[in-house]
Structures are given as C-alpha cells and as structure tokens.
Amino acid sequence: MEVKGDSYRVDYNAETITISFQGSLRLSGVEEYEPIVNLLNQVAEQNHETITLDLKELEFLNSSGISMLSKFVINIRKQKTSNILVKGSQSIPWQGKSLKNLQRLMPTLTLEFE
C-alpha cells in the first residue's frame, strides 16, 4: 500500500509491519489526509502485535498531520491489541517534541531516535 503526493510518500511494508513516511507533509485539513488515514486504519484493523511508524525521513509535518498521527495512536490505544514503535531522527527539529507527545497519548508506545 502506498500514498504519494508531490512532496511526500507514505508506504506500508506488510512483511515488517512498517509504515514509512518520507518528504514533507503540508496537506491542508482532514480531507487531504484521508488517503493516509485510510492506510493507517487498514493496518490497525489487522491487529498486529507491533506497528512501526518510520518517520526518520519525514522532514516536515504540519499540525493537521500531527493531529492525524495522534488520532491513530489513540485508536491503537483503544483497541488494546497492538503496540506502536515510532522511529524518528534527532537531526529533524520538529520530531523531538512532537513525537514525545505521542508517548503521552499512549505510554506503552516505544520511541527510538537515530
């Protein structure tokens, strides 16, 4: 599964149960994020033990995108069937603070920075 735009790419690797985000996500509002939300929800419905969100190559994520990720994390927390591993990059400024906030939404979420 893959969602592509001019400046970003989100794809799902079923073998590793990893959703990778690349580029710059500056979409405006819920409607433009809907294809990505659909991909996230399809993965969530499979009730994997651990879902990995690889954000190491995501240079920018606007507030609508952060909201989308937050809702996904809350959805997984409510299901109580999957854990989340988030991989981030220390060299991308927005990730430090924003990704730690995801951990507040789901204390069992694992956060790894490279």
C-alpha atoms as a PDB file:
ATOM      1  CA  MET A   1       0.000   0.000   0.000  1.00  0.00           C
ATOM      2  CA  GLU A   2       1.292   3.421  -0.888  1.00  0.00           C
ATOM      3  CA  VAL A   3       0.092   7.028  -0.858  1.00  0.00           C
ATOM      4  CA  LYS A   4       2.090   9.555  -2.887  1.00  0.00           C
ATOM      5  CA  GLY A   5       1.964  13.284  -3.365  1.00  0.00           C
ATOM      6  CA  ASP A   6       4.196  15.911  -4.917  1.00  0.00           C
ATOM      7  CA  SER A   7       6.379  16.276  -1.840  1.00  0.00           C
ATOM      8  CA  TYR A   8       5.743  13.129   0.190  1.00  0.00           C
ATOM      9  CA  ARG A   9       5.360   9.370   0.166  1.00  0.00           C
ATOM     10  CA  VAL A  10       3.766   7.047   2.725  1.00  0.00           C
ATOM     11  CA  ASP A  11       4.099   3.332   2.175  1.00  0.00           C
ATOM     12  CA  TYR A  12       3.364   0.152   4.089  1.00  0.00           C
ATOM     13  CA  ASN A  13       5.631  -2.883   4.168  1.00  0.00           C
ATOM     14  CA  ALA A  14       3.475  -5.870   5.167  1.00  0.00           C
ATOM     15  CA  GLU A  15       6.498  -8.080   5.893  1.00  0.00           C
ATOM     16  CA  THR A  16       7.946  -5.760   8.530  1.00  0.00           C
ATOM     17  CA  ILE A  17       4.597  -4.163   9.507  1.00  0.00           C
ATOM     18  CA  THR A  18       6.195  -0.767   8.962  1.00  0.00           C
ATOM     19  CA  ILE A  19       4.549   2.419   7.713  1.00  0.00           C
ATOM     20  CA  SER A  20       7.250   4.726   6.329  1.00  0.00           C
ATOM     21  CA  PHE A  21       6.779   8.463   5.885  1.00  0.00           C
ATOM     22  CA  GLN A  22       9.103  10.441   3.604  1.00  0.00           C
ATOM     23  CA  GLY A  23       9.342  14.018   2.437  1.00  0.00           C
ATOM     24  CA  SER A  24       7.230  16.917   3.618  1.00  0.00           C
ATOM     25  CA  LEU A  25       3.571  16.599   4.643  1.00  0.00           C
ATOM     26  CA  ARG A  26       1.909  20.005   4.366  1.00  0.00           C
ATOM     27  CA  LEU A  27      -1.592  18.907   3.440  1.00  0.00           C
ATOM     28  CA  SER A  28      -4.482  21.105   4.487  1.00  0.00           C
ATOM     29  CA  GLY A  29      -7.132  19.536   6.639  1.00  0.00           C
ATOM     30  CA  VAL A  30      -8.769  16.200   7.197  1.00  0.00           C
ATOM     31  CA  GLU A  31      -9.908  15.652   3.596  1.00  0.00           C
ATOM     32  CA  GLU A  32      -6.418  15.836   2.117  1.00  0.00           C
ATOM     33  CA  TYR A  33      -5.058  13.486   4.790  1.00  0.00           C
ATOM     34  CA  GLU A  34      -7.856  10.959   4.212  1.00  0.00           C
ATOM     35  CA  PRO A  35      -5.859   8.573   1.934  1.00  0.00           C
ATOM     36  CA  ILE A  36      -3.124   8.364   4.590  1.00  0.00           C
ATOM     37  CA  VAL A  37      -5.698   7.890   7.373  1.00  0.00           C
ATOM     38  CA  ASN A  38      -7.257   5.061   5.344  1.00  0.00           C
ATOM     39  CA  LEU A  39      -3.868   3.356   5.020  1.00  0.00           C
ATOM     40  CA  LEU A  40      -3.245   3.713   8.784  1.00  0.00           C
ATOM     41  CA  ASN A  41      -6.703   2.347   9.594  1.00  0.00           C
ATOM     42  CA  GLN A  42      -6.261  -0.649   7.297  1.00  0.00           C
ATOM     43  CA  VAL A  43      -3.044  -1.542   9.120  1.00  0.00           C
ATOM     44  CA  ALA A  44      -4.695  -1.001  12.532  1.00  0.00           C
ATOM     45  CA  GLU A  45      -7.550  -3.363  11.636  1.00  0.00           C
ATOM     46  CA  GLN A  46      -5.077  -6.220  11.151  1.00  0.00           C
ATOM     47  CA  ASN A  47      -4.319  -6.294  14.910  1.00  0.00           C
ATOM     48  CA  HIS A  48      -0.571  -6.823  14.593  1.00  0.00           C
ATOM     49  CA  GLU A  49       1.464  -7.225  17.763  1.00  0.00           C
ATOM     50  CA  THR A  50       3.591  -4.168  16.890  1.00  0.00           C
ATOM     51  CA  ILE A  51       3.130  -1.496  14.220  1.00  0.00           C
ATOM     52  CA  THR A  52       6.211   0.534  13.311  1.00  0.00           C
ATOM     53  CA  LEU A  53       5.914   4.142  12.176  1.00  0.00           C
ATOM     54  CA  ASP A  54       9.167   5.085  10.470  1.00  0.00           C
ATOM     55  CA  LEU A  55       9.377   8.885  10.410  1.00  0.00           C
ATOM     56  CA  LYS A  56      13.176   9.172  10.020  1.00  0.00           C
ATOM     57  CA  GLU A  57      12.837  10.661   6.537  1.00  0.00           C
ATOM     58  CA  LEU A  58       9.843  12.903   7.241  1.00  0.00           C
ATOM     59  CA  GLU A  59      11.325  16.393   7.076  1.00  0.00           C
ATOM     60  CA  PHE A  60       8.148  18.300   7.945  1.00  0.00           C
ATOM     61  CA  LEU A  61       4.717  17.545   9.361  1.00  0.00           C
ATOM     62  CA  ASN A  62       2.124  20.293   9.850  1.00  0.00           C
ATOM     63  CA  SER A  63      -0.422  20.483  12.661  1.00  0.00           C
ATOM     64  CA  SER A  64      -3.051  18.592  10.629  1.00  0.00           C
ATOM     65  CA  GLY A  65      -0.552  15.778  10.149  1.00  0.00           C
ATOM     66  CA  ILE A  66       0.354  15.710  13.833  1.00  0.00           C
ATOM     67  CA  SER A  67      -3.371  15.536  14.615  1.00  0.00           C
ATOM     68  CA  MET A  68      -3.712  12.609  12.181  1.00  0.00           C
ATOM     69  CA  LEU A  69      -0.883  10.696  13.898  1.00  0.00           C
ATOM     70  CA  SER A  70      -2.301  11.500  17.336  1.00  0.00           C
ATOM     71  CA  LYS A  71      -5.720  10.114  16.366  1.00  0.00           C
ATOM     72  CA  PHE A  72      -4.061   6.964  15.021  1.00  0.00           C
ATOM     73  CA  VAL A  73      -2.159   6.459  18.288  1.00  0.00           C
ATOM     74  CA  ILE A  74      -5.357   6.978  20.324  1.00  0.00           C
ATOM     75  CA  ASN A  75      -7.185   4.499  18.070  1.00  0.00           C
ATOM     76  CA  ILE A  76      -4.492   1.857  18.633  1.00  0.00           C
ATOM     77  CA  ARG A  77      -4.512   2.542  22.394  1.00  0.00           C
ATOM     78  CA  LYS A  78      -8.291   1.986  22.500  1.00  0.00           C
ATOM     79  CA  GLN A  79      -8.028  -1.304  20.569  1.00  0.00           C
ATOM     80  CA  LYS A  80      -5.556  -2.690  23.136  1.00  0.00           C
ATOM     81  CA  THR A  81      -4.307  -5.242  20.593  1.00  0.00           C
ATOM     82  CA  SER A  82      -1.187  -3.601  19.131  1.00  0.00           C
ATOM     83  CA  ASN A  83       1.878  -1.738  20.313  1.00  0.00           C
ATOM     84  CA  ILE A  84       3.469   1.105  18.372  1.00  0.00           C
ATOM     85  CA  LEU A  85       7.157   1.650  17.698  1.00  0.00           C
ATOM     86  CA  VAL A  86       7.971   5.130  16.369  1.00  0.00           C
ATOM     87  CA  LYS A  87      11.351   5.671  14.719  1.00  0.00           C
ATOM     88  CA  GLY A  88      12.453   9.275  14.453  1.00  0.00           C
ATOM     89  CA  SER A  89      15.538  11.282  13.574  1.00  0.00           C
ATOM     90  CA  GLN A  90      17.389  13.525  16.012  1.00  0.00           C
ATOM     91  CA  SER A  91      18.513  15.667  13.077  1.00  0.00           C
ATOM     92  CA  ILE A  92      14.952  16.764  12.232  1.00  0.00           C
ATOM     93  CA  PRO A  93      13.944  19.503  14.714  1.00  0.00           C
ATOM     94  CA  TRP A  94      10.140  19.039  14.857  1.00  0.00           C
ATOM     95  CA  GLN A  95      10.356  15.359  15.755  1.00  0.00           C
ATOM     96  CA  GLY A  96      11.856  15.613  19.250  1.00  0.00           C
ATOM     97  CA  LYS A  97       8.985  17.440  20.931  1.00  0.00           C
ATOM     98  CA  SER A  98       6.113  16.257  18.737  1.00  0.00           C
ATOM     99  CA  LEU A  99       6.938  12.553  18.900  1.00  0.00           C
ATOM    100  CA  LYS A 100       7.303  12.651  22.693  1.00  0.00           C
ATOM    101  CA  ASN A 101       3.726  13.964  22.801  1.00  0.00           C
ATOM    102  CA  LEU A 102       2.590  10.736  21.093  1.00  0.00           C
ATOM    103  CA  GLN A 103       4.113   8.853  24.026  1.00  0.00           C
ATOM    104  CA  ARG A 104       1.923  10.873  26.388  1.00  0.00           C
ATOM    105  CA  LEU A 105      -1.142   9.693  24.457  1.00  0.00           C
ATOM    106  CA  MET A 106      -0.027   6.048  24.659  1.00  0.00           C
ATOM    107  CA  PRO A 107       2.503   5.397  27.455  1.00  0.00           C
ATOM    108  CA  THR A 108       3.347   1.938  26.052  1.00  0.00           C
ATOM    109  CA  LEU A 109       4.469   3.490  22.740  1.00  0.00           C
ATOM    110  CA  THR A 110       8.186   2.940  22.102  1.00  0.00           C
ATOM    111  CA  LEU A 111      10.142   5.878  20.729  1.00  0.00           C
ATOM    112  CA  GLU A 112      13.535   5.423  19.064  1.00  0.00           C
ATOM    113  CA  PHE A 113      15.701   8.257  17.722  1.00  0.00           C
ATOM    114  CA  GLU A 114      18.616   7.747  15.369  1.00  0.00           C
END
